[in-house]
Amino acid sequence: MKYVLIVAGGKGLRMGTELPKQFLPIGGKPVLMRTLEAFYTYNSEIQLILVLPHNQQDYWKQLCREYHFSLPHVVADGGETRFHSVKNGLALVNTPGLVGVHDGVRPFVSQEVISRCYDLAAEKKAVIPVIDVVETVRHLDGEGSVTVNRDDYKLVQTPQVFDVELLKQAYNQSYTPHFTDDASVVEALGVPVALTVGNRENIKITTPFDLKIATVLLDSCSI
């Protein structure tokens, strides 16, 4: 069985809007709907679990009616942090298999990346997509800074895909602020995480600039 937790807890603060960023339209359709569609296109039998703050769920239902959005999915309550949101979503995963965790505001993940993450996770148990760092990177050192080798670093994307039992075991740990993504939670068990190549278009839409980029990407991506 394959699952994906679509985690959408944004409040729109960095976007500068009252409307949470996951509900903003790109190309006439809310971002979040496009994200769900990407995984349904990958596999129409995948179990879609949307993790959304409780106080946003009525609005989501309203949007589904307005846009005639009928992809089968279930909704879990978002938590105090991303860690707690994922843990709530995992509570709805009740059979063995593979589970991905994906940011609700990354609608441009490619079909190739989704497929590769799930296929590799079947073997490696824990897989995350990454892309190269193309800018020069400096490390803050006291009051100064030094250039570091950017080839030693990668930028992490989602979906991060895991064996179901492994991820459930990882999320039984107590929360710490060092858990910045699912891979860091799994690594706290001492389990290695495999890397695979992501796609650069798979941006996280969090600022007005990102929204402008998204409208351009929409014209060149088949979503």
N, C-alpha and C. Protein backbone atom coordinates (compact mmCIF):
# COMPACT_ATOMS: atom_id res chain seq x y z
N MET A 1 0.85 -1.20 0.00
CA MET A 1 0.00 0.00 0.00
C MET A 1 0.89 1.25 0.00
N LYS A 2 0.46 2.24 -0.76
CA LYS A 2 1.19 3.51 -0.79
C LYS A 2 0.31 4.61 -0.23
N TYR A 3 0.93 5.44 0.60
CA TYR A 3 0.27 6.59 1.20
C TYR A 3 1.09 7.84 0.93
N VAL A 4 0.44 8.99 1.00
CA VAL A 4 1.17 10.26 1.06
C VAL A 4 0.44 11.19 2.01
N LEU A 5 1.21 11.78 2.91
CA LEU A 5 0.69 12.82 3.80
C LEU A 5 1.03 14.16 3.17
N ILE A 6 0.00 14.92 2.81
CA ILE A 6 0.19 16.26 2.28
C ILE A 6 0.01 17.23 3.44
N VAL A 7 1.11 17.81 3.87
CA VAL A 7 1.09 18.65 5.08
C VAL A 7 0.96 20.11 4.67
N ALA A 8 -0.12 20.74 5.12
CA ALA A 8 -0.41 22.13 4.74
C ALA A 8 -0.84 22.91 5.97
N GLY A 9 0.12 23.58 6.58
CA GLY A 9 -0.22 24.32 7.80
C GLY A 9 0.09 25.79 7.72
N GLY A 10 0.33 26.29 6.50
CA GLY A 10 0.74 27.68 6.33
C GLY A 10 -0.34 28.68 6.72
N LYS A 11 0.12 29.85 7.20
CA LYS A 11 -0.80 30.90 7.59
C LYS A 11 -0.73 32.12 6.67
N GLY A 12 0.18 32.09 5.72
CA GLY A 12 0.27 33.19 4.76
C GLY A 12 1.05 34.40 5.25
N LEU A 13 1.79 34.25 6.36
CA LEU A 13 2.48 35.40 6.93
C LEU A 13 3.56 35.93 6.00
N ARG A 14 4.42 35.04 5.50
CA ARG A 14 5.48 35.47 4.59
C ARG A 14 4.93 35.87 3.23
N MET A 15 3.76 35.36 2.90
CA MET A 15 3.13 35.74 1.64
C MET A 15 2.49 37.11 1.74
N GLY A 16 2.26 37.58 2.97
CA GLY A 16 1.65 38.90 3.16
C GLY A 16 0.18 38.94 2.82
N THR A 17 -0.50 37.79 2.94
CA THR A 17 -1.92 37.74 2.64
C THR A 17 -2.68 37.15 3.82
N GLU A 18 -3.96 37.48 3.89
CA GLU A 18 -4.79 36.87 4.93
C GLU A 18 -5.12 35.42 4.59
N LEU A 19 -5.15 35.11 3.32
CA LEU A 19 -5.46 33.76 2.88
C LEU A 19 -4.22 32.87 3.00
N PRO A 20 -4.31 31.75 3.70
CA PRO A 20 -3.16 30.84 3.80
C PRO A 20 -2.63 30.47 2.42
N LYS A 21 -1.31 30.35 2.33
CA LYS A 21 -0.66 30.20 1.02
C LYS A 21 -1.13 28.97 0.26
N GLN A 22 -1.50 27.89 0.97
CA GLN A 22 -1.92 26.68 0.27
C GLN A 22 -3.23 26.84 -0.47
N PHE A 23 -3.98 27.89 -0.14
CA PHE A 23 -5.27 28.13 -0.79
C PHE A 23 -5.18 29.16 -1.91
N LEU A 24 -4.04 29.80 -2.07
CA LEU A 24 -3.89 30.80 -3.11
C LEU A 24 -3.99 30.15 -4.49
N PRO A 25 -4.64 30.81 -5.44
CA PRO A 25 -4.77 30.22 -6.77
C PRO A 25 -3.56 30.45 -7.64
N ILE A 26 -3.20 29.43 -8.39
CA ILE A 26 -2.25 29.60 -9.50
C ILE A 26 -2.92 28.98 -10.73
N GLY A 27 -2.99 29.77 -11.77
CA GLY A 27 -3.67 29.30 -12.98
C GLY A 27 -5.12 28.96 -12.73
N GLY A 28 -5.77 29.70 -11.81
CA GLY A 28 -7.19 29.52 -11.57
C GLY A 28 -7.56 28.35 -10.68
N LYS A 29 -6.58 27.78 -9.97
CA LYS A 29 -6.87 26.64 -9.09
C LYS A 29 -5.97 26.74 -7.85
N PRO A 30 -6.52 26.49 -6.65
CA PRO A 30 -5.70 26.56 -5.44
C PRO A 30 -4.47 25.66 -5.50
N VAL A 31 -3.38 26.17 -4.95
CA VAL A 31 -2.11 25.44 -4.93
C VAL A 31 -2.30 24.02 -4.40
N LEU A 32 -3.01 23.89 -3.30
CA LEU A 32 -3.15 22.61 -2.63
C LEU A 32 -3.82 21.56 -3.52
N MET A 33 -4.78 21.98 -4.31
CA MET A 33 -5.43 21.04 -5.21
C MET A 33 -4.46 20.51 -6.25
N ARG A 34 -3.60 21.38 -6.74
CA ARG A 34 -2.61 20.96 -7.73
C ARG A 34 -1.62 19.97 -7.12
N THR A 35 -1.29 20.18 -5.86
CA THR A 35 -0.37 19.26 -5.19
C THR A 35 -0.98 17.87 -5.04
N LEU A 36 -2.23 17.82 -4.60
CA LEU A 36 -2.91 16.53 -4.48
C LEU A 36 -3.01 15.84 -5.84
N GLU A 37 -3.29 16.61 -6.87
CA GLU A 37 -3.43 16.03 -8.22
C GLU A 37 -2.12 15.40 -8.70
N ALA A 38 -0.99 15.98 -8.30
CA ALA A 38 0.30 15.44 -8.73
C ALA A 38 0.47 14.00 -8.26
N PHE A 39 0.05 13.72 -7.03
CA PHE A 39 0.20 12.36 -6.50
C PHE A 39 -0.87 11.42 -7.04
N TYR A 40 -2.05 11.93 -7.28
CA TYR A 40 -3.11 11.11 -7.88
C TYR A 40 -2.72 10.73 -9.30
N THR A 41 -2.09 11.63 -10.01
CA THR A 41 -1.62 11.33 -11.37
C THR A 41 -0.55 10.24 -11.33
N TYR A 42 0.32 10.29 -10.33
CA TYR A 42 1.36 9.27 -10.17
C TYR A 42 0.73 7.90 -9.94
N ASN A 43 -0.29 7.83 -9.08
CA ASN A 43 -0.92 6.55 -8.76
C ASN A 43 -2.33 6.83 -8.25
N SER A 44 -3.32 6.46 -9.03
CA SER A 44 -4.70 6.77 -8.66
C SER A 44 -5.17 5.97 -7.45
N GLU A 45 -4.39 4.96 -7.04
CA GLU A 45 -4.76 4.16 -5.88
C GLU A 45 -4.01 4.57 -4.62
N ILE A 46 -3.14 5.57 -4.72
CA ILE A 46 -2.42 6.03 -3.53
C ILE A 46 -3.42 6.63 -2.54
N GLN A 47 -3.18 6.40 -1.26
CA GLN A 47 -4.06 6.93 -0.22
C GLN A 47 -3.63 8.36 0.11
N LEU A 48 -4.44 9.33 -0.24
CA LEU A 48 -4.13 10.74 -0.02
C LEU A 48 -4.64 11.16 1.36
N ILE A 49 -3.72 11.63 2.20
CA ILE A 49 -4.07 12.11 3.53
C ILE A 49 -3.64 13.57 3.64
N LEU A 50 -4.61 14.44 3.73
CA LEU A 50 -4.34 15.87 3.83
C LEU A 50 -4.31 16.27 5.31
N VAL A 51 -3.21 16.85 5.74
CA VAL A 51 -3.08 17.30 7.13
C VAL A 51 -3.23 18.82 7.14
N LEU A 52 -4.31 19.27 7.74
CA LEU A 52 -4.71 20.67 7.66
C LEU A 52 -5.17 21.17 9.03
N PRO A 53 -4.81 22.40 9.41
CA PRO A 53 -5.31 22.94 10.68
C PRO A 53 -6.83 22.81 10.76
N HIS A 54 -7.32 22.47 11.92
CA HIS A 54 -8.76 22.24 12.08
C HIS A 54 -9.59 23.45 11.66
N ASN A 55 -9.06 24.66 11.97
CA ASN A 55 -9.84 25.86 11.66
C ASN A 55 -9.80 26.24 10.18
N GLN A 56 -9.09 25.46 9.36
CA GLN A 56 -9.08 25.69 7.91
C GLN A 56 -9.88 24.64 7.14
N GLN A 57 -10.35 23.64 7.84
CA GLN A 57 -10.97 22.51 7.14
C GLN A 57 -12.32 22.85 6.54
N ASP A 58 -13.11 23.69 7.18
CA ASP A 58 -14.39 24.09 6.59
C ASP A 58 -14.17 24.88 5.30
N TYR A 59 -13.15 25.74 5.32
CA TYR A 59 -12.86 26.52 4.11
C TYR A 59 -12.39 25.60 2.98
N TRP A 60 -11.59 24.58 3.33
CA TRP A 60 -11.15 23.61 2.33
C TRP A 60 -12.35 22.89 1.71
N LYS A 61 -13.30 22.49 2.52
CA LYS A 61 -14.50 21.83 2.00
C LYS A 61 -15.27 22.76 1.07
N GLN A 62 -15.31 24.03 1.43
CA GLN A 62 -15.98 25.02 0.59
C GLN A 62 -15.28 25.14 -0.76
N LEU A 63 -13.95 25.18 -0.73
CA LEU A 63 -13.19 25.25 -1.98
C LEU A 63 -13.42 24.01 -2.84
N CYS A 64 -13.48 22.85 -2.21
CA CYS A 64 -13.72 21.62 -2.97
C CYS A 64 -15.05 21.66 -3.69
N ARG A 65 -16.05 22.24 -3.03
CA ARG A 65 -17.35 22.37 -3.68
C ARG A 65 -17.28 23.37 -4.83
N GLU A 66 -16.64 24.50 -4.59
CA GLU A 66 -16.57 25.55 -5.61
C GLU A 66 -15.83 25.09 -6.86
N TYR A 67 -14.76 24.32 -6.65
CA TYR A 67 -13.93 23.89 -7.78
C TYR A 67 -14.29 22.49 -8.27
N HIS A 68 -15.35 21.91 -7.70
CA HIS A 68 -15.76 20.55 -8.07
C HIS A 68 -14.58 19.59 -7.96
N PHE A 69 -13.86 19.73 -6.87
CA PHE A 69 -12.66 18.92 -6.62
C PHE A 69 -13.09 17.64 -5.92
N SER A 70 -12.94 16.51 -6.60
CA SER A 70 -13.50 15.27 -6.08
C SER A 70 -12.47 14.15 -5.89
N LEU A 71 -11.16 14.47 -5.91
CA LEU A 71 -10.18 13.42 -5.67
C LEU A 71 -10.41 12.82 -4.28
N PRO A 72 -10.42 11.50 -4.15
CA PRO A 72 -10.65 10.88 -2.84
C PRO A 72 -9.49 11.16 -1.89
N HIS A 73 -9.79 11.70 -0.73
CA HIS A 73 -8.77 11.97 0.27
C HIS A 73 -9.42 12.06 1.64
N VAL A 74 -8.61 11.87 2.66
CA VAL A 74 -9.09 12.05 4.03
C VAL A 74 -8.30 13.18 4.66
N VAL A 75 -8.86 13.77 5.70
CA VAL A 75 -8.25 14.94 6.32
C VAL A 75 -7.92 14.64 7.78
N ALA A 76 -6.70 14.98 8.17
CA ALA A 76 -6.26 14.88 9.56
C ALA A 76 -6.00 16.28 10.10
N ASP A 77 -6.14 16.44 11.39
CA ASP A 77 -5.89 17.74 12.02
C ASP A 77 -4.41 18.05 12.08
N GLY A 78 -4.06 19.28 11.71
CA GLY A 78 -2.71 19.74 11.89
C GLY A 78 -2.39 19.92 13.37
N GLY A 79 -1.11 19.86 13.71
CA GLY A 79 -0.68 19.98 15.10
C GLY A 79 0.05 21.27 15.37
N GLU A 80 0.62 21.36 16.56
CA GLU A 80 1.32 22.57 16.99
C GLU A 80 2.54 22.85 16.13
N THR A 81 3.24 21.80 15.70
CA THR A 81 4.40 21.91 14.83
C THR A 81 4.23 20.93 13.67
N ARG A 82 5.15 21.01 12.72
CA ARG A 82 5.11 20.06 11.59
C ARG A 82 5.24 18.63 12.12
N PHE A 83 6.09 18.43 13.11
CA PHE A 83 6.27 17.11 13.71
C PHE A 83 4.93 16.55 14.18
N HIS A 84 4.18 17.36 14.90
CA HIS A 84 2.92 16.90 15.44
C HIS A 84 1.87 16.71 14.34
N SER A 85 1.96 17.52 13.28
CA SER A 85 1.05 17.35 12.15
C SER A 85 1.28 16.02 11.45
N VAL A 86 2.55 15.70 11.20
CA VAL A 86 2.87 14.43 10.56
C VAL A 86 2.43 13.26 11.44
N LYS A 87 2.65 13.38 12.73
CA LYS A 87 2.25 12.32 13.65
C LYS A 87 0.73 12.10 13.60
N ASN A 88 -0.02 13.18 13.52
CA ASN A 88 -1.48 13.06 13.39
C ASN A 88 -1.88 12.37 12.10
N GLY A 89 -1.19 12.73 11.02
CA GLY A 89 -1.49 12.09 9.74
C GLY A 89 -1.15 10.61 9.74
N LEU A 90 -0.04 10.25 10.40
CA LEU A 90 0.38 8.85 10.46
C LEU A 90 -0.64 7.99 11.20
N ALA A 91 -1.41 8.60 12.08
CA ALA A 91 -2.42 7.85 12.81
C ALA A 91 -3.47 7.26 11.87
N LEU A 92 -3.59 7.82 10.65
CA LEU A 92 -4.56 7.31 9.67
C LEU A 92 -3.95 6.28 8.73
N VAL A 93 -2.66 6.01 8.91
CA VAL A 93 -1.98 5.00 8.10
C VAL A 93 -2.02 3.69 8.87
N ASN A 94 -2.78 2.72 8.39
CA ASN A 94 -3.04 1.54 9.19
C ASN A 94 -2.66 0.22 8.56
N THR A 95 -1.91 0.25 7.45
CA THR A 95 -1.43 -0.99 6.85
C THR A 95 0.04 -0.81 6.47
N PRO A 96 0.78 -1.92 6.37
CA PRO A 96 2.18 -1.82 5.94
C PRO A 96 2.30 -1.25 4.54
N GLY A 97 3.47 -0.74 4.24
CA GLY A 97 3.70 -0.21 2.91
C GLY A 97 4.68 0.94 2.94
N LEU A 98 4.46 1.90 2.06
CA LEU A 98 5.33 3.07 1.95
C LEU A 98 4.50 4.32 2.16
N VAL A 99 5.08 5.29 2.87
CA VAL A 99 4.38 6.54 3.11
C VAL A 99 5.30 7.71 2.77
N GLY A 100 4.79 8.61 1.95
CA GLY A 100 5.52 9.83 1.64
C GLY A 100 4.98 10.99 2.45
N VAL A 101 5.83 11.95 2.72
CA VAL A 101 5.41 13.19 3.37
C VAL A 101 5.80 14.33 2.44
N HIS A 102 4.81 15.15 2.07
CA HIS A 102 5.06 16.18 1.06
C HIS A 102 4.46 17.51 1.50
N ASP A 103 5.18 18.58 1.21
CA ASP A 103 4.69 19.92 1.52
C ASP A 103 3.52 20.27 0.62
N GLY A 104 2.43 20.77 1.21
CA GLY A 104 1.25 21.11 0.45
C GLY A 104 1.46 22.20 -0.57
N VAL A 105 2.52 23.00 -0.39
CA VAL A 105 2.78 24.12 -1.30
C VAL A 105 3.95 23.82 -2.25
N ARG A 106 4.12 22.53 -2.57
CA ARG A 106 5.07 22.12 -3.61
C ARG A 106 4.30 21.40 -4.72
N PRO A 107 3.57 22.13 -5.55
CA PRO A 107 2.75 21.46 -6.59
C PRO A 107 3.53 21.04 -7.82
N PHE A 108 4.80 21.44 -7.93
CA PHE A 108 5.54 21.19 -9.16
C PHE A 108 6.51 20.01 -9.07
N VAL A 109 6.33 19.15 -8.08
CA VAL A 109 7.15 17.94 -8.02
C VAL A 109 6.87 17.11 -9.27
N SER A 110 7.91 16.59 -9.88
CA SER A 110 7.73 15.86 -11.14
C SER A 110 7.29 14.43 -10.88
N GLN A 111 6.62 13.85 -11.86
CA GLN A 111 6.20 12.46 -11.77
C GLN A 111 7.41 11.54 -11.63
N GLU A 112 8.50 11.89 -12.29
CA GLU A 112 9.71 11.08 -12.21
C GLU A 112 10.28 11.06 -10.80
N VAL A 113 10.26 12.21 -10.13
CA VAL A 113 10.80 12.27 -8.77
C VAL A 113 9.91 11.49 -7.80
N ILE A 114 8.59 11.65 -7.92
CA ILE A 114 7.69 10.89 -7.05
C ILE A 114 7.94 9.40 -7.24
N SER A 115 7.95 8.94 -8.47
CA SER A 115 8.14 7.52 -8.76
C SER A 115 9.47 7.02 -8.22
N ARG A 116 10.52 7.79 -8.44
CA ARG A 116 11.85 7.37 -8.01
C ARG A 116 11.94 7.27 -6.49
N CYS A 117 11.32 8.21 -5.79
CA CYS A 117 11.35 8.19 -4.32
C CYS A 117 10.65 6.95 -3.77
N TYR A 118 9.49 6.63 -4.31
CA TYR A 118 8.76 5.45 -3.83
C TYR A 118 9.48 4.16 -4.21
N ASP A 119 9.99 4.09 -5.43
CA ASP A 119 10.69 2.87 -5.87
C ASP A 119 11.92 2.62 -5.03
N LEU A 120 12.69 3.67 -4.76
CA LEU A 120 13.92 3.51 -3.99
C LEU A 120 13.62 3.21 -2.52
N ALA A 121 12.54 3.79 -2.00
CA ALA A 121 12.17 3.55 -0.60
C ALA A 121 11.78 2.10 -0.37
N ALA A 122 11.28 1.43 -1.39
CA ALA A 122 10.95 0.01 -1.25
C ALA A 122 12.19 -0.80 -0.93
N GLU A 123 13.35 -0.30 -1.35
CA GLU A 123 14.62 -1.00 -1.10
C GLU A 123 15.36 -0.41 0.10
N LYS A 124 15.41 0.92 0.17
CA LYS A 124 16.26 1.59 1.16
C LYS A 124 15.54 1.96 2.45
N LYS A 125 14.21 1.94 2.45
CA LYS A 125 13.38 2.25 3.62
C LYS A 125 13.22 3.74 3.93
N ALA A 126 14.18 4.56 3.49
CA ALA A 126 14.12 6.00 3.80
C ALA A 126 14.82 6.76 2.67
N VAL A 127 14.06 7.61 1.98
CA VAL A 127 14.59 8.30 0.79
C VAL A 127 14.11 9.74 0.76
N ILE A 128 15.02 10.66 0.42
CA ILE A 128 14.63 12.05 0.25
C ILE A 128 15.20 12.59 -1.06
N PRO A 129 14.46 13.46 -1.75
CA PRO A 129 14.98 14.08 -2.97
C PRO A 129 15.79 15.34 -2.63
N VAL A 130 16.88 15.53 -3.34
CA VAL A 130 17.73 16.69 -3.10
C VAL A 130 18.17 17.29 -4.43
N ILE A 131 18.57 18.55 -4.39
CA ILE A 131 19.15 19.20 -5.56
C ILE A 131 20.45 19.88 -5.18
N ASP A 132 21.26 20.16 -6.18
CA ASP A 132 22.56 20.80 -5.94
C ASP A 132 22.40 22.23 -5.47
N VAL A 133 23.37 22.69 -4.70
CA VAL A 133 23.48 24.10 -4.34
C VAL A 133 24.23 24.79 -5.46
N VAL A 134 23.64 25.83 -6.04
CA VAL A 134 24.28 26.50 -7.18
C VAL A 134 24.88 27.85 -6.80
N GLU A 135 24.52 28.36 -5.64
CA GLU A 135 25.08 29.63 -5.18
C GLU A 135 26.35 29.37 -4.35
N THR A 136 27.18 30.39 -4.22
CA THR A 136 28.30 30.31 -3.28
C THR A 136 27.75 30.31 -1.86
N VAL A 137 28.34 29.47 -1.01
CA VAL A 137 27.86 29.32 0.37
C VAL A 137 28.93 29.78 1.34
N ARG A 138 28.51 30.56 2.33
CA ARG A 138 29.44 31.01 3.37
C ARG A 138 28.94 30.54 4.73
N HIS A 139 29.88 30.15 5.58
CA HIS A 139 29.58 29.70 6.93
C HIS A 139 29.94 30.81 7.91
N LEU A 140 28.97 31.17 8.76
CA LEU A 140 29.22 32.21 9.76
C LEU A 140 30.18 31.66 10.81
N ASP A 141 31.23 32.43 11.06
CA ASP A 141 32.30 31.99 11.98
C ASP A 141 32.61 33.13 12.94
N GLY A 142 31.95 33.10 14.11
CA GLY A 142 32.11 34.22 15.03
C GLY A 142 31.49 35.47 14.43
N GLU A 143 32.26 36.53 14.35
CA GLU A 143 31.77 37.77 13.76
C GLU A 143 32.06 37.85 12.26
N GLY A 144 32.77 36.86 11.76
CA GLY A 144 33.07 36.84 10.33
C GLY A 144 32.38 35.69 9.64
N SER A 145 32.88 35.34 8.44
CA SER A 145 32.33 34.23 7.69
C SER A 145 33.39 33.70 6.74
N VAL A 146 33.22 32.45 6.35
CA VAL A 146 34.16 31.82 5.43
C VAL A 146 33.40 31.08 4.34
N THR A 147 33.99 31.04 3.16
CA THR A 147 33.39 30.28 2.06
C THR A 147 33.62 28.78 2.29
N VAL A 148 32.56 28.00 2.05
CA VAL A 148 32.68 26.55 2.16
C VAL A 148 32.40 25.93 0.79
N ASN A 149 32.79 24.69 0.64
CA ASN A 149 32.62 23.98 -0.63
C ASN A 149 31.14 23.62 -0.81
N ARG A 150 30.50 24.24 -1.77
CA ARG A 150 29.07 24.00 -1.95
C ARG A 150 28.78 22.57 -2.41
N ASP A 151 29.79 21.88 -2.95
CA ASP A 151 29.59 20.50 -3.37
C ASP A 151 29.36 19.57 -2.17
N ASP A 152 29.67 20.06 -0.98
CA ASP A 152 29.47 19.26 0.23
C ASP A 152 28.04 19.38 0.77
N TYR A 153 27.19 20.16 0.09
CA TYR A 153 25.85 20.42 0.60
C TYR A 153 24.79 20.14 -0.48
N LYS A 154 23.60 19.83 -0.03
CA LYS A 154 22.46 19.63 -0.90
C LYS A 154 21.25 20.36 -0.32
N LEU A 155 20.32 20.77 -1.18
CA LEU A 155 19.06 21.34 -0.75
C LEU A 155 18.01 20.24 -0.76
N VAL A 156 17.27 20.14 0.33
CA VAL A 156 16.33 19.04 0.52
C VAL A 156 14.92 19.44 0.08
N GLN A 157 14.26 18.52 -0.62
CA GLN A 157 12.89 18.73 -1.07
C GLN A 157 11.97 17.66 -0.47
N THR A 158 10.76 17.63 -0.93
CA THR A 158 9.84 16.55 -0.61
C THR A 158 9.24 16.07 -1.94
N PRO A 159 8.69 14.84 -2.02
CA PRO A 159 8.29 13.98 -0.92
C PRO A 159 9.46 13.21 -0.32
N GLN A 160 9.44 13.08 1.01
CA GLN A 160 10.36 12.21 1.71
C GLN A 160 9.57 10.92 1.97
N VAL A 161 10.11 9.80 1.51
CA VAL A 161 9.33 8.56 1.49
C VAL A 161 10.01 7.50 2.37
N PHE A 162 9.17 6.79 3.15
CA PHE A 162 9.69 5.85 4.14
C PHE A 162 8.84 4.59 4.21
N ASP A 163 9.45 3.54 4.72
CA ASP A 163 8.69 2.38 5.14
C ASP A 163 7.73 2.82 6.25
N VAL A 164 6.49 2.38 6.19
CA VAL A 164 5.47 2.83 7.14
C VAL A 164 5.89 2.56 8.58
N GLU A 165 6.30 1.33 8.87
CA GLU A 165 6.63 0.98 10.25
C GLU A 165 7.83 1.77 10.76
N LEU A 166 8.79 2.03 9.89
CA LEU A 166 9.95 2.83 10.28
C LEU A 166 9.53 4.24 10.67
N LEU A 167 8.69 4.86 9.84
CA LEU A 167 8.30 6.24 10.13
C LEU A 167 7.43 6.31 11.38
N LYS A 168 6.57 5.34 11.58
CA LYS A 168 5.76 5.31 12.79
C LYS A 168 6.66 5.18 14.03
N GLN A 169 7.66 4.31 13.94
CA GLN A 169 8.60 4.16 15.06
C GLN A 169 9.33 5.47 15.33
N ALA A 170 9.75 6.14 14.27
CA ALA A 170 10.48 7.40 14.43
C ALA A 170 9.61 8.46 15.10
N TYR A 171 8.35 8.51 14.73
CA TYR A 171 7.47 9.54 15.30
C TYR A 171 6.92 9.17 16.67
N ASN A 172 7.34 8.03 17.21
CA ASN A 172 7.05 7.72 18.61
C ASN A 172 8.07 8.35 19.55
N GLN A 173 9.12 8.95 18.96
CA GLN A 173 10.10 9.66 19.77
C GLN A 173 9.51 10.97 20.28
N SER A 174 10.11 11.48 21.34
CA SER A 174 9.70 12.79 21.86
C SER A 174 10.19 13.87 20.92
N TYR A 175 9.39 14.91 20.76
CA TYR A 175 9.73 16.02 19.87
C TYR A 175 10.92 16.81 20.38
N THR A 176 11.79 17.22 19.46
CA THR A 176 12.85 18.18 19.76
C THR A 176 12.89 19.20 18.62
N PRO A 177 13.37 20.42 18.89
CA PRO A 177 13.45 21.44 17.83
C PRO A 177 14.40 21.07 16.69
N HIS A 178 15.24 20.06 16.91
CA HIS A 178 16.18 19.64 15.87
C HIS A 178 15.49 18.86 14.77
N PHE A 179 14.24 18.45 14.99
CA PHE A 179 13.49 17.73 13.97
C PHE A 179 12.91 18.73 12.98
N THR A 180 13.69 19.04 11.94
CA THR A 180 13.25 20.04 10.96
C THR A 180 12.56 19.42 9.75
N ASP A 181 12.72 18.12 9.58
CA ASP A 181 12.00 17.41 8.52
C ASP A 181 11.90 15.95 8.95
N ASP A 182 11.27 15.13 8.11
CA ASP A 182 11.05 13.74 8.47
C ASP A 182 12.35 12.95 8.49
N ALA A 183 13.27 13.29 7.59
CA ALA A 183 14.55 12.60 7.56
C ALA A 183 15.29 12.77 8.89
N SER A 184 15.24 13.96 9.46
CA SER A 184 15.94 14.18 10.73
C SER A 184 15.32 13.37 11.86
N VAL A 185 14.01 13.13 11.78
CA VAL A 185 13.34 12.31 12.80
C VAL A 185 13.78 10.85 12.66
N VAL A 186 13.85 10.36 11.43
CA VAL A 186 14.27 8.98 11.18
C VAL A 186 15.75 8.79 11.55
N GLU A 187 16.58 9.76 11.21
CA GLU A 187 18.00 9.66 11.51
C GLU A 187 18.28 9.61 13.01
N ALA A 188 17.37 10.17 13.81
CA ALA A 188 17.53 10.13 15.27
C ALA A 188 17.45 8.70 15.80
N LEU A 189 16.90 7.79 14.99
CA LEU A 189 16.88 6.36 15.34
C LEU A 189 18.18 5.67 14.97
N GLY A 190 19.05 6.39 14.27
CA GLY A 190 20.28 5.78 13.79
C GLY A 190 20.14 5.12 12.43
N VAL A 191 19.04 5.42 11.74
CA VAL A 191 18.77 4.83 10.43
C VAL A 191 19.26 5.77 9.33
N PRO A 192 20.07 5.28 8.39
CA PRO A 192 20.55 6.15 7.31
C PRO A 192 19.44 6.49 6.33
N VAL A 193 19.57 7.66 5.72
CA VAL A 193 18.59 8.15 4.75
C VAL A 193 19.27 8.25 3.38
N ALA A 194 18.68 7.62 2.38
CA ALA A 194 19.23 7.65 1.03
C ALA A 194 18.80 8.93 0.32
N LEU A 195 19.66 9.42 -0.57
CA LEU A 195 19.37 10.61 -1.36
C LEU A 195 19.09 10.21 -2.80
N THR A 196 18.17 10.94 -3.42
CA THR A 196 17.92 10.78 -4.84
C THR A 196 17.74 12.16 -5.45
N VAL A 197 17.86 12.26 -6.74
CA VAL A 197 17.83 13.56 -7.42
C VAL A 197 16.41 14.10 -7.48
N GLY A 198 16.22 15.32 -7.02
CA GLY A 198 14.93 16.00 -7.11
C GLY A 198 14.81 16.77 -8.41
N ASN A 199 13.79 17.63 -8.50
CA ASN A 199 13.69 18.50 -9.67
C ASN A 199 13.62 19.95 -9.22
N ARG A 200 14.38 20.78 -9.89
CA ARG A 200 14.54 22.16 -9.45
C ARG A 200 13.23 22.94 -9.49
N GLU A 201 12.30 22.53 -10.34
CA GLU A 201 11.00 23.21 -10.40
C GLU A 201 10.16 22.99 -9.14
N ASN A 202 10.56 22.03 -8.33
CA ASN A 202 9.78 21.63 -7.15
C ASN A 202 9.98 22.64 -6.02
N ILE A 203 9.60 23.88 -6.27
CA ILE A 203 9.80 24.95 -5.30
C ILE A 203 8.71 24.92 -4.23
N LYS A 204 9.05 25.47 -3.09
CA LYS A 204 8.08 25.62 -2.00
C LYS A 204 7.54 27.04 -2.07
N ILE A 205 6.26 27.17 -2.33
CA ILE A 205 5.65 28.48 -2.56
C ILE A 205 5.35 29.13 -1.20
N THR A 206 6.18 30.09 -0.82
CA THR A 206 6.01 30.73 0.49
C THR A 206 6.03 32.26 0.44
N THR A 207 6.47 32.85 -0.66
CA THR A 207 6.58 34.30 -0.75
C THR A 207 5.91 34.79 -2.04
N PRO A 208 5.63 36.09 -2.14
CA PRO A 208 5.07 36.63 -3.39
C PRO A 208 5.95 36.34 -4.60
N PHE A 209 7.26 36.36 -4.42
CA PHE A 209 8.17 36.03 -5.53
C PHE A 209 7.95 34.60 -5.99
N ASP A 210 7.81 33.68 -5.03
CA ASP A 210 7.56 32.28 -5.39
C ASP A 210 6.28 32.14 -6.20
N LEU A 211 5.28 32.94 -5.85
CA LEU A 211 4.00 32.87 -6.55
C LEU A 211 4.17 33.31 -8.01
N LYS A 212 5.01 34.31 -8.23
CA LYS A 212 5.29 34.75 -9.60
C LYS A 212 6.00 33.66 -10.38
N ILE A 213 6.97 33.01 -9.73
CA ILE A 213 7.68 31.91 -10.38
C ILE A 213 6.71 30.78 -10.71
N ALA A 214 5.77 30.53 -9.80
CA ALA A 214 4.81 29.44 -9.99
C ALA A 214 3.96 29.65 -11.22
N THR A 215 3.56 30.90 -11.47
CA THR A 215 2.72 31.16 -12.64
C THR A 215 3.49 30.90 -13.93
N VAL A 216 4.80 31.15 -13.91
CA VAL A 216 5.64 30.86 -15.07
C VAL A 216 5.81 29.35 -15.23
N LEU A 217 6.08 28.66 -14.12
CA LEU A 217 6.27 27.22 -14.17
C LEU A 217 5.02 26.51 -14.67
N LEU A 218 3.87 27.05 -14.31
CA LEU A 218 2.61 26.42 -14.69
C LEU A 218 2.49 26.31 -16.20
N ASP A 219 3.04 27.29 -16.91
CA ASP A 219 2.96 27.29 -18.36
C ASP A 219 3.87 26.24 -18.98
N SER A 220 4.87 25.75 -18.21
CA SER A 220 5.84 24.82 -18.78
C SER A 220 5.74 23.43 -18.17
N CYS A 221 4.91 23.27 -17.14
CA CYS A 221 4.75 21.96 -16.51
C CYS A 221 3.37 21.41 -16.80
N SER A 222 3.29 20.11 -16.96
CA SER A 222 1.99 19.48 -17.28
C SER A 222 1.24 19.12 -16.00
N ILE A 223 0.79 20.14 -15.26
CA ILE A 223 -0.03 19.87 -14.07
C ILE A 223 -1.30 20.69 -14.18
